[in-house]
């Protein structure tokens, strides 16, 4: 997906579907796989830009580990600083637990599965298979699969923002990043 933050739409929707899921862990997990892009691109000389963290195994193991660490140690600081929210309250939502680990796992896997709908190279089965797994790529769309998925996610993000703004400006950032 061209814009990594669009992956957070799925995190928000999952959290609204099952409130006991950790929104911060889902958000971080949904964004972690794209952390590998600059490194993989440099290491492979531009041959690949997605590899380990965009595979099912890599997302499940390494991606989840990275997401847990970032959720527990970095997310509360970053979100409280940028959006001026109560750091202690965010830290409580980001406390290490089996549910937090599960939500990070769900977040990383959701990212990989969304990407597998529209990217031309999908290393879903890496390191067992080096070839792209393209069985899930959307076909016969009016626009390119990437444009279709990006527009869909952007439309959903805008609907979420409108939905949350209708509840009032007070607590908006908390509702979309913490609750």
C-alpha atoms as a PDB file:
ATOM      1  CA  UNK A   1       0.000   0.000   0.000  1.00  0.00           C
ATOM      2  CA  UNK A   2       1.493   3.350  -0.916  1.00  0.00           C
ATOM      3  CA  UNK A   3       0.535   4.904   2.400  1.00  0.00           C
ATOM      4  CA  UNK A   4       1.350   2.746   5.401  1.00  0.00           C
ATOM      5  CA  UNK A   5      -1.075   4.592   7.741  1.00  0.00           C
ATOM      6  CA  UNK A   6      -4.014   3.366   5.640  1.00  0.00           C
ATOM      7  CA  UNK A   7      -3.425  -0.073   7.160  1.00  0.00           C
ATOM      8  CA  UNK A   8      -4.708   1.309  10.467  1.00  0.00           C
ATOM      9  CA  UNK A   9      -8.255   1.255   9.087  1.00  0.00           C
ATOM     10  CA  UNK A  10      -8.391  -2.500   9.617  1.00  0.00           C
ATOM     11  CA  UNK A  11      -6.993  -2.086  13.145  1.00  0.00           C
ATOM     12  CA  UNK A  12      -9.728   0.417  14.014  1.00  0.00           C
ATOM     13  CA  UNK A  13     -12.491  -1.739  12.532  1.00  0.00           C
ATOM     14  CA  UNK A  14     -11.265  -4.873  14.349  1.00  0.00           C
ATOM     15  CA  UNK A  15     -11.185  -2.948  17.626  1.00  0.00           C
ATOM     16  CA  UNK A  16     -14.735  -1.681  17.100  1.00  0.00           C
ATOM     17  CA  UNK A  17     -15.868  -5.216  16.260  1.00  0.00           C
ATOM     18  CA  UNK A  18     -14.246  -6.713  19.385  1.00  0.00           C
ATOM     19  CA  UNK A  19     -13.652  -4.015  22.002  1.00  0.00           C
ATOM     20  CA  UNK A  20     -11.356  -6.206  24.100  1.00  0.00           C
ATOM     21  CA  UNK A  21      -8.752  -6.124  21.324  1.00  0.00           C
ATOM     22  CA  UNK A  22      -5.979  -3.604  21.977  1.00  0.00           C
ATOM     23  CA  UNK A  23      -6.258  -0.741  19.495  1.00  0.00           C
ATOM     24  CA  UNK A  24      -2.641   0.417  20.026  1.00  0.00           C
ATOM     25  CA  UNK A  25      -1.307  -3.112  19.417  1.00  0.00           C
ATOM     26  CA  UNK A  26      -3.468  -3.547  16.330  1.00  0.00           C
ATOM     27  CA  UNK A  27      -2.303  -0.177  14.958  1.00  0.00           C
ATOM     28  CA  UNK A  28       1.390  -0.827  15.552  1.00  0.00           C
ATOM     29  CA  UNK A  29       1.129  -4.373  14.217  1.00  0.00           C
ATOM     30  CA  UNK A  30      -0.623  -3.126  11.100  1.00  0.00           C
ATOM     31  CA  UNK A  31       2.215  -0.720  10.348  1.00  0.00           C
ATOM     32  CA  UNK A  32       5.306  -2.734  11.364  1.00  0.00           C
ATOM     33  CA  UNK A  33       5.786  -4.767   8.160  1.00  0.00           C
ATOM     34  CA  UNK A  34       6.576  -1.617   6.189  1.00  0.00           C
ATOM     35  CA  UNK A  35       9.536  -0.884   8.467  1.00  0.00           C
ATOM     36  CA  UNK A  36      11.544  -3.347   6.395  1.00  0.00           C
ATOM     37  CA  UNK A  37      11.046  -1.567   3.069  1.00  0.00           C
ATOM     38  CA  UNK A  38      14.036   0.811   3.105  1.00  0.00           C
ATOM     39  CA  UNK A  39      16.375  -1.816   4.564  1.00  0.00           C
ATOM     40  CA  UNK A  40      15.371  -4.581   2.139  1.00  0.00           C
ATOM     41  CA  UNK A  41      15.565  -2.191  -0.795  1.00  0.00           C
ATOM     42  CA  UNK A  42      19.106  -1.140   0.174  1.00  0.00           C
ATOM     43  CA  UNK A  43      20.308  -4.688   0.946  1.00  0.00           C
ATOM     44  CA  UNK A  44      18.929  -6.137  -2.316  1.00  0.00           C
ATOM     45  CA  UNK A  45      20.049  -3.181  -4.419  1.00  0.00           C
ATOM     46  CA  UNK A  46      16.472  -2.276  -5.265  1.00  0.00           C
ATOM     47  CA  UNK A  47      15.597  -5.790  -6.468  1.00  0.00           C
ATOM     48  CA  UNK A  48      13.050  -6.203  -3.660  1.00  0.00           C
ATOM     49  CA  UNK A  49      11.368  -3.762  -1.332  1.00  0.00           C
ATOM     50  CA  UNK A  50       9.342  -6.255   0.704  1.00  0.00           C
ATOM     51  CA  UNK A  51      10.476  -9.637   1.949  1.00  0.00           C
ATOM     52  CA  UNK A  52      10.687 -11.076   5.479  1.00  0.00           C
ATOM     53  CA  UNK A  53       8.085  -8.961   7.302  1.00  0.00           C
ATOM     54  CA  UNK A  54       5.710  -9.290   4.344  1.00  0.00           C
ATOM     55  CA  UNK A  55       5.725 -13.078   4.565  1.00  0.00           C
ATOM     56  CA  UNK A  56       3.278 -14.931   6.782  1.00  0.00           C
ATOM     57  CA  UNK A  57       6.051 -16.494   8.872  1.00  0.00           C
ATOM     58  CA  UNK A  58       8.081 -13.286   9.133  1.00  0.00           C
ATOM     59  CA  UNK A  59       5.035 -11.224  10.083  1.00  0.00           C
ATOM     60  CA  UNK A  60       3.900 -13.793  12.624  1.00  0.00           C
ATOM     61  CA  UNK A  61       7.261 -14.164  14.343  1.00  0.00           C
ATOM     62  CA  UNK A  62       9.594 -11.221  13.760  1.00  0.00           C
ATOM     63  CA  UNK A  63       6.867  -8.692  12.929  1.00  0.00           C
ATOM     64  CA  UNK A  64       4.923  -9.565  16.068  1.00  0.00           C
ATOM     65  CA  UNK A  65       8.053  -9.306  18.232  1.00  0.00           C
ATOM     66  CA  UNK A  66       8.904  -5.872  16.805  1.00  0.00           C
ATOM     67  CA  UNK A  67       5.287  -4.736  17.158  1.00  0.00           C
ATOM     68  CA  UNK A  68       5.138  -5.828  20.805  1.00  0.00           C
ATOM     69  CA  UNK A  69       8.342  -3.945  21.631  1.00  0.00           C
ATOM     70  CA  UNK A  70       7.177  -0.807  19.823  1.00  0.00           C
ATOM     71  CA  UNK A  71       3.700  -0.971  21.381  1.00  0.00           C
ATOM     72  CA  UNK A  72       5.001  -1.341  24.919  1.00  0.00           C
ATOM     73  CA  UNK A  73       7.982   1.025  24.767  1.00  0.00           C
ATOM     74  CA  UNK A  74       7.465   3.568  21.961  1.00  0.00           C
ATOM     75  CA  UNK A  75       3.732   3.949  21.253  1.00  0.00           C
ATOM     76  CA  UNK A  76       2.771   5.559  24.596  1.00  0.00           C
ATOM     77  CA  UNK A  77       5.571   8.119  24.330  1.00  0.00           C
ATOM     78  CA  UNK A  78       4.939   8.970  20.685  1.00  0.00           C
ATOM     79  CA  UNK A  79       1.143   9.196  20.848  1.00  0.00           C
ATOM     80  CA  UNK A  80       1.083  11.118  24.137  1.00  0.00           C
ATOM     81  CA  UNK A  81       3.649  13.590  22.782  1.00  0.00           C
ATOM     82  CA  UNK A  82       2.130  14.134  19.323  1.00  0.00           C
ATOM     83  CA  UNK A  83      -1.536  14.219  20.353  1.00  0.00           C
ATOM     84  CA  UNK A  84      -1.104  15.545  23.897  1.00  0.00           C
ATOM     85  CA  UNK A  85      -2.836  12.572  25.491  1.00  0.00           C
ATOM     86  CA  UNK A  86      -2.317  11.158  28.991  1.00  0.00           C
ATOM     87  CA  UNK A  87       0.817   8.992  28.771  1.00  0.00           C
ATOM     88  CA  UNK A  88      -0.105   6.936  31.847  1.00  0.00           C
ATOM     89  CA  UNK A  89      -3.488   6.046  30.370  1.00  0.00           C
ATOM     90  CA  UNK A  90      -1.871   4.988  27.095  1.00  0.00           C
ATOM     91  CA  UNK A  91       0.770   2.957  28.942  1.00  0.00           C
ATOM     92  CA  UNK A  92      -2.047   1.095  30.675  1.00  0.00           C
ATOM     93  CA  UNK A  93      -3.525   0.159  27.271  1.00  0.00           C
ATOM     94  CA  UNK A  94      -0.039  -0.854  26.074  1.00  0.00           C
ATOM     95  CA  UNK A  95       0.889  -3.015  29.057  1.00  0.00           C
ATOM     96  CA  UNK A  96       2.460  -6.326  28.017  1.00  0.00           C
ATOM     97  CA  UNK A  97      -0.031  -9.205  28.006  1.00  0.00           C
ATOM     98  CA  UNK A  98      -0.958 -12.226  25.949  1.00  0.00           C
ATOM     99  CA  UNK A  99      -3.817 -10.178  24.440  1.00  0.00           C
ATOM    100  CA  UNK A 100      -1.369  -7.461  23.381  1.00  0.00           C
ATOM    101  CA  UNK A 101       0.830 -10.070  21.686  1.00  0.00           C
ATOM    102  CA  UNK A 102      -2.223 -11.560  19.962  1.00  0.00           C
ATOM    103  CA  UNK A 103      -3.321  -8.126  18.721  1.00  0.00           C
ATOM    104  CA  UNK A 104       0.168  -7.374  17.375  1.00  0.00           C
ATOM    105  CA  UNK A 105       0.027 -10.708  15.538  1.00  0.00           C
ATOM    106  CA  UNK A 106      -3.392  -9.902  14.077  1.00  0.00           C
ATOM    107  CA  UNK A 107      -2.145  -6.464  13.049  1.00  0.00           C
ATOM    108  CA  UNK A 108       0.947  -7.752  11.227  1.00  0.00           C
ATOM    109  CA  UNK A 109      -1.003 -10.500   9.466  1.00  0.00           C
ATOM    110  CA  UNK A 110      -3.721  -8.040   8.411  1.00  0.00           C
ATOM    111  CA  UNK A 111      -1.033  -5.882   6.785  1.00  0.00           C
ATOM    112  CA  UNK A 112       0.419  -8.822   4.868  1.00  0.00           C
ATOM    113  CA  UNK A 113      -2.996  -9.999   3.703  1.00  0.00           C
ATOM    114  CA  UNK A 114      -4.069  -6.516   2.566  1.00  0.00           C
ATOM    115  CA  UNK A 115      -0.821  -6.128   0.632  1.00  0.00           C
ATOM    116  CA  UNK A 116      -1.321  -9.539  -0.972  1.00  0.00           C
ATOM    117  CA  UNK A 117      -4.489  -8.204  -2.610  1.00  0.00           C
ATOM    118  CA  UNK A 118      -2.712  -5.667  -4.759  1.00  0.00           C
ATOM    119  CA  UNK A 119       1.089  -5.818  -4.876  1.00  0.00           C
ATOM    120  CA  UNK A 120       2.883  -7.284  -7.862  1.00  0.00           C
ATOM    121  CA  UNK A 121       5.359  -9.121  -5.619  1.00  0.00           C
ATOM    122  CA  UNK A 122       3.990 -10.977  -2.584  1.00  0.00           C
ATOM    123  CA  UNK A 123       6.554 -12.974  -0.601  1.00  0.00           C
ATOM    124  CA  UNK A 124       3.837 -14.649   1.501  1.00  0.00           C
ATOM    125  CA  UNK A 125       5.629 -17.999   1.691  1.00  0.00           C
ATOM    126  CA  UNK A 126       9.170 -16.652   2.157  1.00  0.00           C
ATOM    127  CA  UNK A 127      11.661 -18.188   3.176  1.00  0.00           C
ATOM    128  CA  UNK A 128      10.216 -21.485   1.954  1.00  0.00           C
ATOM    129  CA  UNK A 129       9.409 -20.139  -1.502  1.00  0.00           C
ATOM    130  CA  UNK A 130      11.209 -17.166  -3.048  1.00  0.00           C
ATOM    131  CA  UNK A 131       8.632 -16.594  -5.785  1.00  0.00           C
ATOM    132  CA  UNK A 132       5.701 -14.269  -5.437  1.00  0.00           C
ATOM    133  CA  UNK A 133       2.381 -15.713  -4.277  1.00  0.00           C
ATOM    134  CA  UNK A 134      -0.178 -13.883  -6.381  1.00  0.00           C
ATOM    135  CA  UNK A 135      -3.309 -16.003  -5.929  1.00  0.00           C
ATOM    136  CA  UNK A 136      -4.974 -13.289  -3.827  1.00  0.00           C
ATOM    137  CA  UNK A 137      -4.213 -10.315  -6.109  1.00  0.00           C
ATOM    138  CA  UNK A 138      -7.431  -8.642  -7.211  1.00  0.00           C
ATOM    139  CA  UNK A 139      -8.065  -9.086 -10.907  1.00  0.00           C
ATOM    140  CA  UNK A 140     -10.425  -7.348 -13.314  1.00  0.00           C
ATOM    141  CA  UNK A 141     -10.727  -4.123 -11.361  1.00  0.00           C
ATOM    142  CA  UNK A 142     -11.573  -0.936 -13.247  1.00  0.00           C
ATOM    143  CA  UNK A 143      -8.411   0.689 -11.886  1.00  0.00           C
ATOM    144  CA  UNK A 144      -5.166  -0.951 -10.810  1.00  0.00           C
ATOM    145  CA  UNK A 145      -5.493  -3.228  -7.772  1.00  0.00           C
ATOM    146  CA  UNK A 146      -3.245  -0.865  -5.772  1.00  0.00           C
ATOM    147  CA  UNK A 147      -5.378   2.158  -6.645  1.00  0.00           C
ATOM    148  CA  UNK A 148      -8.533   0.211  -5.817  1.00  0.00           C
ATOM    149  CA  UNK A 149      -7.310  -0.947  -2.384  1.00  0.00           C
ATOM    150  CA  UNK A 150      -5.805   2.460  -1.560  1.00  0.00           C
ATOM    151  CA  UNK A 151      -9.009   4.302  -2.493  1.00  0.00           C
ATOM    152  CA  UNK A 152     -11.117   1.838  -0.511  1.00  0.00           C
ATOM    153  CA  UNK A 153      -8.931   2.250   2.584  1.00  0.00           C
ATOM    154  CA  UNK A 154      -8.855   6.028   2.207  1.00  0.00           C
ATOM    155  CA  UNK A 155     -12.648   6.139   1.898  1.00  0.00           C
ATOM    156  CA  UNK A 156     -12.991   3.993   5.024  1.00  0.00           C
ATOM    157  CA  UNK A 157     -10.506   6.217   6.876  1.00  0.00           C
ATOM    158  CA  UNK A 158     -12.521   9.298   5.979  1.00  0.00           C
ATOM    159  CA  UNK A 159     -15.734   7.593   7.124  1.00  0.00           C
ATOM    160  CA  UNK A 160     -14.061   6.695  10.424  1.00  0.00           C
ATOM    161  CA  UNK A 161     -12.934  10.288  10.939  1.00  0.00           C
ATOM    162  CA  UNK A 162     -16.428  11.613  10.160  1.00  0.00           C
ATOM    163  CA  UNK A 163     -17.984   8.991  12.463  1.00  0.00           C
ATOM    164  CA  UNK A 164     -15.665   9.918  15.314  1.00  0.00           C
ATOM    165  CA  UNK A 165     -16.002  13.679  14.743  1.00  0.00           C
ATOM    166  CA  UNK A 166     -19.784  13.332  15.015  1.00  0.00           C
ATOM    167  CA  UNK A 167     -19.187  12.142  18.576  1.00  0.00           C
ATOM    168  CA  UNK A 168     -17.479  15.452  19.266  1.00  0.00           C
ATOM    169  CA  UNK A 169     -14.019  16.929  19.050  1.00  0.00           C
ATOM    170  CA  UNK A 170     -13.372  16.235  22.720  1.00  0.00           C
ATOM    171  CA  UNK A 171     -11.507  12.936  22.966  1.00  0.00           C
ATOM    172  CA  UNK A 172     -11.229  12.456  19.181  1.00  0.00           C
ATOM    173  CA  UNK A 173      -7.540  11.464  19.165  1.00  0.00           C
ATOM    174  CA  UNK A 174      -8.003   9.209  22.155  1.00  0.00           C
ATOM    175  CA  UNK A 175     -10.854   7.393  20.434  1.00  0.00           C
ATOM    176  CA  UNK A 176      -8.871   6.797  17.239  1.00  0.00           C
ATOM    177  CA  UNK A 177      -5.489   5.934  18.798  1.00  0.00           C
ATOM    178  CA  UNK A 178      -6.114   4.507  22.277  1.00  0.00           C
ATOM    179  CA  UNK A 179      -9.614   3.215  23.033  1.00  0.00           C
END
